[in-house]
Amino acid sequence: MNLWGGRFTKPTNQLVYDFNASIKFDKTFASQDIKGSIGHVKMLTKQEILTQEEGQLIEKTLKEILNEVENETLEIDESYEDIHSFVESTLIDRIGDTGKKLHTGRSRNDQVALDMRLYTKDQIEMLNTLLVDLLKTIHDIMKEHVDTIMPGFTHLQKAQPITLAHHMGAYFEMFKRDQSRLHDIYERMDYCPLGSGALAGTTYPLDREYSAEILGFKGPCLNSIDGVSDRDYLIELLSAMSTMMMHMSRLSEEMIIWNTNEYQFIDLDDTFSTGSSIMPQKKNPDICELIRGKTGRVYGALMGFLTTMKGLPLAYNKDMQEDKEMYFDALNTTKGCLQLLSDMLKTTTFNKEKMKKSATGGFTNATDAADYLVNKGVPFRDAHGIIGQLVLYAISQNKDLDELTLEEFKNISDVFEEDVYQAIDVNTCVNKRNTIGACGQEMMKKVIALNEEYLKQF
C-alpha cells in the first residue's frame, strides 16, 4: 500500500519502489510509530476532529497492534514502503474506513520526526543505564585499589608513580562527562514536532501542547519547518557516542598493552578472551581490539550524517531517509561496547605486584628527587638539572635512584642527605600528593566518597 498515488498515471517502477522503501530499517521504531499515532488520535478526539467512537476504536486497535508488534506475534510485512504505511494499512484492514482518518492533520514528515525523537529519547535512557553500570564497575575497581601502586605514563614511557585507583578515576571522570552530555542532548531535543505537518503546520485546530504532554515532551517545537527538517539532536548524540567510544577505545588500548607478557599488569578472564587457530599458547584480547576497531565505525556514522545534512535546503528532503541505518548501527555498536567493557572489567584481575614493581623502576621518582632538593632550598630549575645528571649517572651504573649510595648522591650534589631515600620511596611519592585531583591515598578516598554520592542518584 502506498500512502500516495492519486496524481500518478503509471505504477511505480519496481526498482524505484525498492530503492525508495525504508521499511527494512525504519521498522526498528515500529513501537514509537504506533505510540505516536495513539497520541495523535487522543488529541484528534479531544479536539473533536474525530468522534469519541472513532477515536476510541482507532486507539483500541492501535494498542492491539502495538502489543502484537512488541510480542512479535504480528510480523511486519516488508513489502510496504515504510513502517508508517504498514501500521496504517494494518489498522484499515482491521477497522475499515475509520482507520483512514488516522492521518488527519499529519504528514509523514512530522510523523517520522516524532518517531525519531521518541526512539532517541528511549535510546538515551538505555545508554545512560549502561554508562551508570560502567561507572559503578570503575568505582568498585577504584575502591579496591586505592593502595595499588603503578607507573603513570606519558608518551608511553614511565613518568611518575600513581595508583590504579587514580588511573581508573580518570576514566570515571570521562564517562561521567559522557553521561552529562546525554542529559544535555535529552534536554535540548525534548520538544514535539507532531503537528508541524509537511512543513507549514495545518489548518486543523490541533492542540499541539496536549500532544506534546501526552507523548512525554516538555512542549511542542515552535517552528514547523525546523520540526520536520533538522536532525541536529541526532548529530549531537552521534558526537556524544563518538566521544564515548573514544574513551572506551583508550581504555581498551591500555588493557591490550597491560595484558601483554611485557607488562603483565592484568589478566583478562578466559570468558572475555579468544585463542589462535595455529598457536596453542595464545590468549588474545580480541574484545578490547574490537572496541578499539568499532570506534571508527561510530566516527564514520557521525561523518556520514554530517555529510548527508550539510547541503539540504529546507524543509524535508529524501536524503534524510539515509540517517537511520548509520544511526541505528552506531547506537547498537555503542551499547554493545559499553556492556562488554563493563562486564570485562568486572572479571579482570589486576596484578598488584607487577604494577608496583614496574612503578619502582624507570626513574619514576625523579621528579620527587628534584622536589626533595627544592625543599632543601635549591631553585627548581637547578634541581631539575642536578637530577638529570643523577639519572644519567644511574643509567651508566645500571641502577635505579634508590639503589645509589649516599656517596654517589653527594658526588652530584652535597645537598643530599640520608633522608633522600624516604623522599624517593615510591609509597612516599604517591601518598604525599594530596592536592585536589592528585593520586595520594587521602585525596583518592575523598574522591571515591564523592563518586559514591554521585552514583546514589541512579
Protein backbone atom coordinates (compact mmCIF):
# COMPACT_ATOMS: atom_id res chain seq x y z
CA MET A 1 0.00 0.00 0.00
CA ASN A 2 1.23 3.48 -0.92
CA LEU A 3 0.10 6.48 1.08
CA TRP A 4 0.08 8.46 -2.16
CA GLY A 5 -0.71 7.90 -5.84
CA GLY A 6 -3.79 9.88 -6.88
CA ARG A 7 -1.95 12.21 -9.21
CA PHE A 8 0.05 9.45 -10.93
CA THR A 9 -0.97 7.73 -14.18
CA LYS A 10 1.57 4.91 -14.06
CA PRO A 11 2.60 2.47 -11.34
CA THR A 12 5.95 2.95 -9.67
CA ASN A 13 8.82 1.10 -11.30
CA GLN A 14 9.69 -1.83 -9.02
CA LEU A 15 13.34 -0.83 -8.87
CA VAL A 16 12.30 2.66 -7.83
CA TYR A 17 9.92 1.25 -5.22
CA ASP A 18 12.61 -0.95 -3.72
CA PHE A 19 15.18 1.84 -3.84
CA ASN A 20 12.78 4.24 -2.16
CA ALA A 21 11.48 1.86 0.51
CA SER A 22 12.74 2.15 4.08
CA ILE A 23 10.71 -0.42 6.00
CA LYS A 24 13.63 -2.84 6.34
CA PHE A 25 15.27 -0.41 8.73
CA ASP A 26 12.59 2.00 9.93
CA LYS A 27 10.66 -0.94 11.36
CA THR A 28 13.20 -0.52 14.17
CA PHE A 29 10.99 2.21 15.63
CA ALA A 30 7.67 0.46 14.99
CA SER A 31 6.71 0.78 18.67
CA GLN A 32 7.43 4.50 18.71
CA ASP A 33 5.49 4.97 15.46
CA ILE A 34 2.40 3.33 16.94
CA LYS A 35 2.72 5.17 20.25
CA GLY A 36 2.97 8.43 18.33
CA SER A 37 -0.18 7.56 16.41
CA ILE A 38 -2.01 6.75 19.65
CA GLY A 39 -1.05 10.17 20.99
CA HIS A 40 -2.19 11.80 17.76
CA VAL A 41 -5.56 10.06 17.90
CA LYS A 42 -6.11 11.10 21.50
CA MET A 43 -5.50 14.71 20.53
CA LEU A 44 -7.79 14.49 17.47
CA THR A 45 -10.53 13.06 19.67
CA LYS A 46 -10.05 15.73 22.35
CA GLN A 47 -10.33 18.41 19.67
CA GLU A 48 -13.46 16.74 18.24
CA ILE A 49 -11.78 16.27 14.88
CA LEU A 50 -12.65 12.62 15.42
CA THR A 51 -15.78 11.48 17.22
CA GLN A 52 -15.43 9.71 20.54
CA GLU A 53 -16.45 6.44 18.90
CA GLU A 54 -13.94 6.84 16.08
CA GLY A 55 -11.14 7.84 18.42
CA GLN A 56 -11.77 5.02 20.86
CA LEU A 57 -11.92 2.42 18.09
CA ILE A 58 -8.70 3.62 16.45
CA GLU A 59 -6.89 3.90 19.78
CA LYS A 60 -8.02 0.45 20.92
CA THR A 61 -6.93 -1.15 17.65
CA LEU A 62 -3.57 0.64 17.62
CA LYS A 63 -2.90 -0.64 21.14
CA GLU A 64 -3.67 -4.16 19.95
CA ILE A 65 -1.27 -3.75 17.04
CA LEU A 66 1.38 -2.33 19.39
CA ASN A 67 1.04 -5.30 21.73
CA GLU A 68 1.34 -7.74 18.83
CA VAL A 69 4.38 -5.97 17.39
CA GLU A 70 6.18 -5.86 20.75
CA ASN A 71 5.33 -9.51 21.47
CA GLU A 72 6.36 -10.44 17.91
CA THR A 73 3.03 -12.08 17.16
CA LEU A 74 2.48 -9.67 14.26
CA GLU A 75 5.08 -9.93 11.52
CA ILE A 76 5.98 -6.65 9.87
CA ASP A 77 5.44 -7.05 6.13
CA GLU A 78 8.50 -5.66 4.36
CA SER A 79 6.63 -5.29 1.07
CA TYR A 80 5.32 -1.95 2.38
CA GLU A 81 7.17 1.26 1.64
CA ASP A 82 7.77 2.17 5.27
CA ILE A 83 6.62 1.43 8.80
CA HIS A 84 4.02 4.19 8.61
CA SER A 85 2.21 2.62 5.67
CA PHE A 86 2.36 -0.84 7.27
CA VAL A 87 0.77 0.37 10.51
CA GLU A 88 -1.91 2.41 8.75
CA SER A 89 -2.72 -0.42 6.35
CA THR A 90 -2.95 -2.92 9.22
CA LEU A 91 -5.29 -0.55 11.04
CA ILE A 92 -7.53 -0.12 7.98
CA ASP A 93 -7.62 -3.88 7.39
CA ARG A 94 -8.99 -4.33 10.91
CA ILE A 95 -11.48 -1.49 11.27
CA GLY A 96 -12.19 -0.34 7.72
CA ASP A 97 -12.68 3.25 6.61
CA THR A 98 -12.47 4.63 10.13
CA GLY A 99 -8.77 3.74 10.06
CA LYS A 100 -8.30 6.07 7.10
CA LYS A 101 -8.89 9.01 9.44
CA LEU A 102 -5.75 8.30 11.45
CA HIS A 103 -3.55 10.54 9.31
CA THR A 104 -5.79 13.61 9.63
CA GLY A 105 -3.74 16.72 10.37
CA ARG A 106 -0.46 14.87 10.00
CA SER A 107 2.27 14.32 7.39
CA ARG A 108 4.84 11.57 7.25
CA ASN A 109 7.34 14.40 7.68
CA ASP A 110 6.24 15.26 11.21
CA GLN A 111 5.38 11.61 11.87
CA VAL A 112 8.90 10.34 11.20
CA ALA A 113 10.39 13.31 13.05
CA LEU A 114 8.28 12.32 16.05
CA ASP A 115 9.25 8.67 15.73
CA MET A 116 12.94 9.55 15.70
CA ARG A 117 12.63 11.76 18.77
CA LEU A 118 10.64 9.18 20.73
CA TYR A 119 13.10 6.46 19.73
CA THR A 120 16.11 8.63 20.55
CA LYS A 121 14.76 9.50 23.99
CA ASP A 122 14.39 5.79 24.72
CA GLN A 123 17.90 5.12 23.43
CA ILE A 124 19.42 7.89 25.53
CA GLU A 125 17.89 6.29 28.61
CA MET A 126 19.39 2.94 27.61
CA LEU A 127 22.81 4.49 27.02
CA ASN A 128 22.59 6.23 30.38
CA THR A 129 21.78 2.94 32.14
CA LEU A 130 24.79 1.27 30.51
CA LEU A 131 27.05 4.20 31.41
CA VAL A 132 25.90 4.04 35.03
CA ASP A 133 26.78 0.34 35.13
CA LEU A 134 30.23 1.08 33.69
CA LEU A 135 30.76 3.91 36.19
CA LYS A 136 29.83 1.60 39.06
CA THR A 137 32.26 -1.02 37.77
CA ILE A 138 35.08 1.52 37.59
CA HIS A 139 34.12 2.84 41.03
CA ASP A 140 34.41 -0.66 42.50
CA ILE A 141 37.88 -1.04 40.99
CA MET A 142 38.89 2.31 42.46
CA LYS A 143 37.71 1.32 45.94
CA GLU A 144 39.64 -1.93 45.80
CA HIS A 145 42.86 -0.40 44.50
CA VAL A 146 43.44 2.80 46.48
CA ASP A 147 46.81 1.35 47.57
CA THR A 148 47.72 -0.40 44.31
CA ILE A 149 50.76 1.49 43.08
CA MET A 150 51.50 1.55 39.36
CA PRO A 151 53.51 3.71 36.99
CA GLY A 152 51.79 6.63 35.34
CA PHE A 153 52.83 7.21 31.75
CA THR A 154 53.45 9.99 29.28
CA HIS A 155 54.46 9.17 25.71
CA LEU A 156 54.04 5.50 26.74
CA GLN A 157 57.11 5.93 28.94
CA LYS A 158 57.09 5.67 32.71
CA ALA A 159 56.62 9.11 34.20
CA GLN A 160 55.59 9.15 37.88
CA PRO A 161 54.15 6.60 40.31
CA ILE A 162 50.39 6.77 40.82
CA THR A 163 47.73 4.30 41.95
CA LEU A 164 45.38 2.17 39.92
CA ALA A 165 42.51 3.98 41.65
CA HIS A 166 43.85 7.28 40.37
CA HIS A 167 44.32 5.94 36.85
CA MET A 168 40.82 4.45 36.69
CA GLY A 169 39.47 7.61 38.28
CA ALA A 170 40.44 9.46 35.12
CA TYR A 171 38.09 7.21 33.17
CA PHE A 172 35.39 7.70 35.79
CA GLU A 173 35.52 11.43 35.10
CA MET A 174 35.46 10.87 31.33
CA PHE A 175 32.45 8.59 31.39
CA LYS A 176 30.73 10.88 33.89
CA ARG A 177 31.05 13.72 31.37
CA ASP A 178 29.71 11.37 28.68
CA GLN A 179 26.68 10.88 30.87
CA SER A 180 26.32 14.63 31.30
CA ARG A 181 26.37 15.09 27.53
CA LEU A 182 23.48 12.63 27.19
CA HIS A 183 21.48 14.67 29.69
CA ASP A 184 22.17 17.88 27.79
CA ILE A 185 21.11 16.35 24.47
CA TYR A 186 17.92 14.98 26.00
CA GLU A 187 17.02 18.41 27.38
CA ARG A 188 17.55 20.15 24.04
CA MET A 189 15.66 17.62 21.93
CA ASP A 190 12.70 17.17 24.28
CA TYR A 191 10.23 19.05 22.06
CA CYS A 192 7.48 17.51 19.99
CA PRO A 193 7.34 18.01 16.18
CA LEU A 194 3.90 16.42 15.81
CA GLY A 195 1.51 18.91 14.26
CA SER A 196 4.17 20.52 12.08
CA GLY A 197 2.62 18.83 9.04
CA ALA A 198 4.74 18.61 5.92
CA LEU A 199 6.38 21.95 6.78
CA ALA A 200 3.74 24.68 7.18
CA GLY A 201 1.60 23.41 10.03
CA THR A 202 -2.07 22.60 9.47
CA THR A 203 -5.49 24.20 9.23
CA TYR A 204 -6.98 21.73 11.71
CA PRO A 205 -7.45 23.00 15.27
CA LEU A 206 -4.74 20.78 16.71
CA ASP A 207 -3.74 21.10 20.36
CA ARG A 208 0.00 20.70 19.97
CA GLU A 209 0.71 21.35 23.63
CA TYR A 210 -1.61 18.48 24.55
CA SER A 211 0.09 16.19 22.02
CA ALA A 212 3.48 17.09 23.46
CA GLU A 213 2.31 16.49 27.02
CA ILE A 214 0.76 13.05 26.49
CA LEU A 215 3.76 11.92 24.44
CA GLY A 216 6.14 12.91 27.23
CA PHE A 217 7.72 16.07 25.80
CA LYS A 218 8.35 19.41 27.52
CA GLY A 219 6.44 21.19 24.78
CA PRO A 220 5.94 21.49 21.01
CA CYS A 221 8.58 22.61 18.51
CA LEU A 222 7.99 26.30 17.85
CA ASN A 223 8.79 26.29 14.14
CA SER A 224 7.16 23.72 11.89
CA ILE A 225 9.96 23.82 9.29
CA ASP A 226 12.59 23.23 11.95
CA GLY A 227 10.45 20.49 13.47
CA VAL A 228 10.45 18.36 10.32
CA SER A 229 13.74 19.25 8.67
CA ASP A 230 16.52 19.23 11.25
CA ARG A 231 18.22 16.29 12.89
CA ASP A 232 20.83 18.18 14.88
CA TYR A 233 19.97 16.24 18.02
CA LEU A 234 20.98 13.04 16.23
CA ILE A 235 24.26 14.64 15.21
CA GLU A 236 24.79 15.66 18.83
CA LEU A 237 24.10 12.12 20.00
CA LEU A 238 26.38 10.62 17.37
CA SER A 239 29.07 13.06 18.51
CA ALA A 240 28.50 12.08 22.14
CA MET A 241 28.65 8.39 21.23
CA SER A 242 31.84 9.01 19.27
CA THR A 243 33.34 10.57 22.40
CA MET A 244 32.15 7.61 24.49
CA MET A 245 33.71 5.22 22.01
CA MET A 246 36.94 7.23 22.05
CA HIS A 247 37.09 6.90 25.83
CA MET A 248 36.34 3.18 25.64
CA SER A 249 38.94 2.79 22.91
CA ARG A 250 41.63 4.47 25.00
CA LEU A 251 40.90 2.21 27.96
CA SER A 252 40.80 -0.82 25.68
CA GLU A 253 44.15 0.17 24.19
CA GLU A 254 45.66 0.33 27.65
CA MET A 255 44.19 -3.04 28.56
CA ILE A 256 45.72 -4.52 25.42
CA ILE A 257 49.11 -3.16 26.45
CA TRP A 258 48.71 -4.15 30.11
CA ASN A 259 47.74 -7.67 29.06
CA THR A 260 50.99 -8.27 27.15
CA ASN A 261 53.73 -10.52 28.52
CA GLU A 262 55.96 -7.46 28.62
CA TYR A 263 53.65 -5.70 31.12
CA GLN A 264 51.53 -8.39 32.80
CA PHE A 265 49.55 -5.73 34.68
CA ILE A 266 46.26 -7.53 34.10
CA ASP A 267 44.86 -10.96 33.38
CA LEU A 268 41.77 -10.99 31.20
CA ASP A 269 39.26 -13.63 32.15
CA ASP A 270 39.04 -16.61 29.80
CA THR A 271 35.40 -15.75 29.13
CA PHE A 272 36.50 -12.46 27.56
CA SER A 273 39.47 -13.79 25.60
CA THR A 274 39.98 -15.76 22.40
CA GLY A 275 42.65 -18.07 21.02
CA SER A 276 44.57 -18.79 17.83
CA SER A 277 43.84 -21.43 15.22
CA ILE A 278 47.55 -22.22 14.90
CA MET A 279 49.33 -21.02 18.07
CA PRO A 280 48.11 -23.06 21.07
CA GLN A 281 49.58 -20.72 23.67
CA LYS A 282 47.73 -17.60 22.57
CA LYS A 283 45.15 -15.81 24.71
CA ASN A 284 44.11 -12.75 22.76
CA PRO A 285 42.37 -9.54 23.93
CA ASP A 286 40.00 -9.54 20.94
CA ILE A 287 37.18 -7.75 22.76
CA CYS A 288 39.46 -4.81 23.56
CA GLU A 289 40.69 -4.77 19.98
CA LEU A 290 37.17 -4.85 18.58
CA ILE A 291 36.06 -1.98 20.80
CA ARG A 292 39.05 -0.05 19.50
CA GLY A 293 38.18 -1.02 15.92
CA LYS A 294 34.47 -0.29 16.19
CA THR A 295 35.22 3.23 17.38
CA GLY A 296 36.00 4.20 13.79
CA ARG A 297 32.65 2.76 12.76
CA VAL A 298 30.80 5.19 15.04
CA TYR A 299 33.02 8.06 13.87
CA GLY A 300 32.04 7.11 10.32
CA ALA A 301 28.35 7.34 11.17
CA LEU A 302 28.86 10.85 12.53
CA MET A 303 30.77 12.00 9.46
CA GLY A 304 28.28 10.31 7.14
CA PHE A 305 25.38 12.01 8.89
CA LEU A 306 27.03 15.43 8.76
CA THR A 307 27.75 14.94 5.07
CA THR A 308 24.14 13.94 4.39
CA MET A 309 22.75 17.03 6.11
CA LYS A 310 25.25 19.67 5.02
CA GLY A 311 23.69 20.67 1.70
CA LEU A 312 19.97 20.17 2.28
CA PRO A 313 17.68 23.14 1.63
CA LEU A 314 14.67 23.48 3.91
CA ALA A 315 12.47 21.65 4.56
CA TYR A 316 12.33 17.85 4.28
CA ASN A 317 14.39 16.04 1.64
CA LYS A 318 14.50 12.31 0.93
CA ASP A 319 18.23 12.33 1.70
CA MET A 320 17.18 12.36 5.34
CA GLN A 321 15.99 8.78 4.99
CA GLU A 322 19.68 7.91 4.95
CA ASP A 323 20.01 8.99 8.58
CA LYS A 324 18.58 5.82 10.03
CA GLU A 325 20.79 2.88 9.11
CA MET A 326 24.04 4.51 10.18
CA TYR A 327 22.38 5.93 13.30
CA PHE A 328 20.88 2.60 14.34
CA ASP A 329 24.19 0.86 13.73
CA ALA A 330 26.09 3.43 15.80
CA LEU A 331 23.62 3.04 18.65
CA ASN A 332 23.85 -0.74 18.65
CA THR A 333 27.63 -0.60 18.41
CA THR A 334 27.99 1.83 21.30
CA LYS A 335 25.54 -0.01 23.54
CA GLY A 336 27.23 -3.32 22.83
CA CYS A 337 30.68 -1.93 23.60
CA LEU A 338 29.51 -0.32 26.85
CA GLN A 339 28.03 -3.61 28.02
CA LEU A 340 31.06 -5.65 27.04
CA LEU A 341 33.60 -3.27 28.54
CA SER A 342 31.79 -3.16 31.87
CA ASP A 343 31.39 -6.94 32.04
CA MET A 344 35.01 -7.49 31.00
CA LEU A 345 36.32 -5.12 33.68
CA LYS A 346 34.28 -6.93 36.34
CA THR A 347 36.17 -10.14 35.59
CA THR A 348 39.64 -8.66 35.04
CA THR A 349 42.41 -9.44 37.54
CA PHE A 350 44.83 -6.60 38.31
CA ASN A 351 48.32 -7.81 39.22
CA LYS A 352 49.32 -5.55 42.11
CA GLU A 353 52.84 -6.90 42.49
CA LYS A 354 53.67 -6.47 38.80
CA MET A 355 52.30 -2.93 38.82
CA LYS A 356 54.24 -1.87 41.90
CA LYS A 357 57.45 -3.48 40.69
CA SER A 358 57.11 -1.60 37.41
CA ALA A 359 56.46 1.65 39.28
CA THR A 360 59.69 1.33 41.25
CA GLY A 361 61.84 1.22 38.12
CA GLY A 362 62.41 3.59 35.24
CA PHE A 363 63.22 6.64 37.41
CA THR A 364 59.55 7.38 38.15
CA ASN A 365 60.74 9.03 41.38
CA ALA A 366 63.00 11.54 39.59
CA THR A 367 60.51 14.39 39.98
CA ASP A 368 60.31 13.68 43.71
CA ALA A 369 64.09 13.74 43.90
CA ALA A 370 64.00 17.21 42.32
CA ASP A 371 61.29 18.28 44.77
CA TYR A 372 63.50 17.00 47.59
CA LEU A 373 66.22 19.42 46.52
CA VAL A 374 63.70 22.27 46.21
CA ASN A 375 62.62 21.62 49.80
CA LYS A 376 66.30 21.91 50.74
CA GLY A 377 66.43 25.39 49.18
CA VAL A 378 67.65 24.58 45.66
CA PRO A 379 65.79 26.53 42.90
CA PHE A 380 63.63 24.12 40.90
CA ARG A 381 65.37 24.72 37.57
CA ASP A 382 68.73 23.96 39.19
CA ALA A 383 67.24 20.93 40.93
CA HIS A 384 65.91 19.69 37.60
CA GLY A 385 69.40 19.84 36.10
CA ILE A 386 71.01 18.11 39.08
CA ILE A 387 68.56 15.21 38.95
CA GLY A 388 69.08 14.96 35.19
CA GLN A 389 72.79 14.43 35.86
CA LEU A 390 71.94 11.95 38.61
CA VAL A 391 69.71 9.94 36.26
CA LEU A 392 72.43 9.93 33.60
CA TYR A 393 74.92 8.62 36.15
CA ALA A 394 72.47 5.96 37.41
CA ILE A 395 71.89 4.75 33.86
CA SER A 396 75.65 4.39 33.39
CA GLN A 397 75.76 2.26 36.54
CA ASN A 398 72.65 0.25 35.61
CA LYS A 399 70.95 1.35 38.83
CA ASP A 400 67.70 3.00 39.87
CA LEU A 401 67.91 6.13 42.02
CA ASP A 402 67.07 4.32 45.25
CA GLU A 403 69.93 1.89 44.56
CA LEU A 404 72.57 4.62 44.60
CA THR A 405 74.69 5.07 47.70
CA LEU A 406 74.56 8.33 49.62
CA GLU A 407 78.14 8.94 48.49
CA GLU A 408 77.01 8.65 44.85
CA PHE A 409 74.22 11.15 45.55
CA LYS A 410 76.68 13.56 47.17
CA ASN A 411 79.08 13.27 44.23
CA ILE A 412 76.37 15.01 42.20
CA SER A 413 75.24 17.44 44.93
CA ASP A 414 76.27 17.76 48.56
CA VAL A 415 72.70 18.86 49.42
CA PHE A 416 71.61 15.22 49.54
CA GLU A 417 71.30 13.63 52.98
CA GLU A 418 70.15 10.26 54.30
CA ASP A 419 66.51 11.36 54.21
CA VAL A 420 66.57 11.33 50.40
CA TYR A 421 65.75 7.63 50.44
CA GLN A 422 62.49 8.23 52.28
CA ALA A 423 61.65 11.10 49.93
CA ILE A 424 62.04 8.98 46.79
CA ASP A 425 60.38 5.84 48.14
CA VAL A 426 57.53 5.01 45.78
CA ASN A 427 54.95 4.97 48.60
CA THR A 428 56.03 8.44 49.69
CA CYS A 429 55.98 9.68 46.11
CA VAL A 430 52.35 8.66 45.79
CA ASN A 431 50.89 9.45 49.18
CA LYS A 432 52.36 12.90 49.71
CA ARG A 433 50.37 14.08 46.68
CA ASN A 434 47.07 15.09 48.26
CA THR A 435 46.10 18.28 46.49
CA ILE A 436 42.72 18.24 44.72
CA GLY A 437 42.80 15.73 41.88
CA ALA A 438 46.11 14.15 42.89
CA CYS A 439 46.90 10.47 43.43
CA GLY A 440 47.53 10.36 47.18
CA GLN A 441 45.57 7.93 49.30
CA GLU A 442 43.94 10.67 51.35
CA MET A 443 42.72 12.51 48.26
CA MET A 444 41.60 9.32 46.50
CA LYS A 445 39.42 8.36 49.46
CA LYS A 446 37.72 11.77 49.25
CA VAL A 447 37.17 11.37 45.51
CA ILE A 448 35.77 7.87 45.95
CA ALA A 449 33.35 9.20 48.58
CA LEU A 450 32.21 11.92 46.15
CA ASN A 451 31.75 9.32 43.41
CA GLU A 452 29.73 7.18 45.82
CA GLU A 453 27.37 10.09 46.43
CA TYR A 454 27.10 10.78 42.71
CA LEU A 455 26.13 7.18 41.94
CA LYS A 456 23.45 7.07 44.65
CA GLN A 457 21.10 9.06 42.42
CA PHE A 458 20.90 6.21 39.88
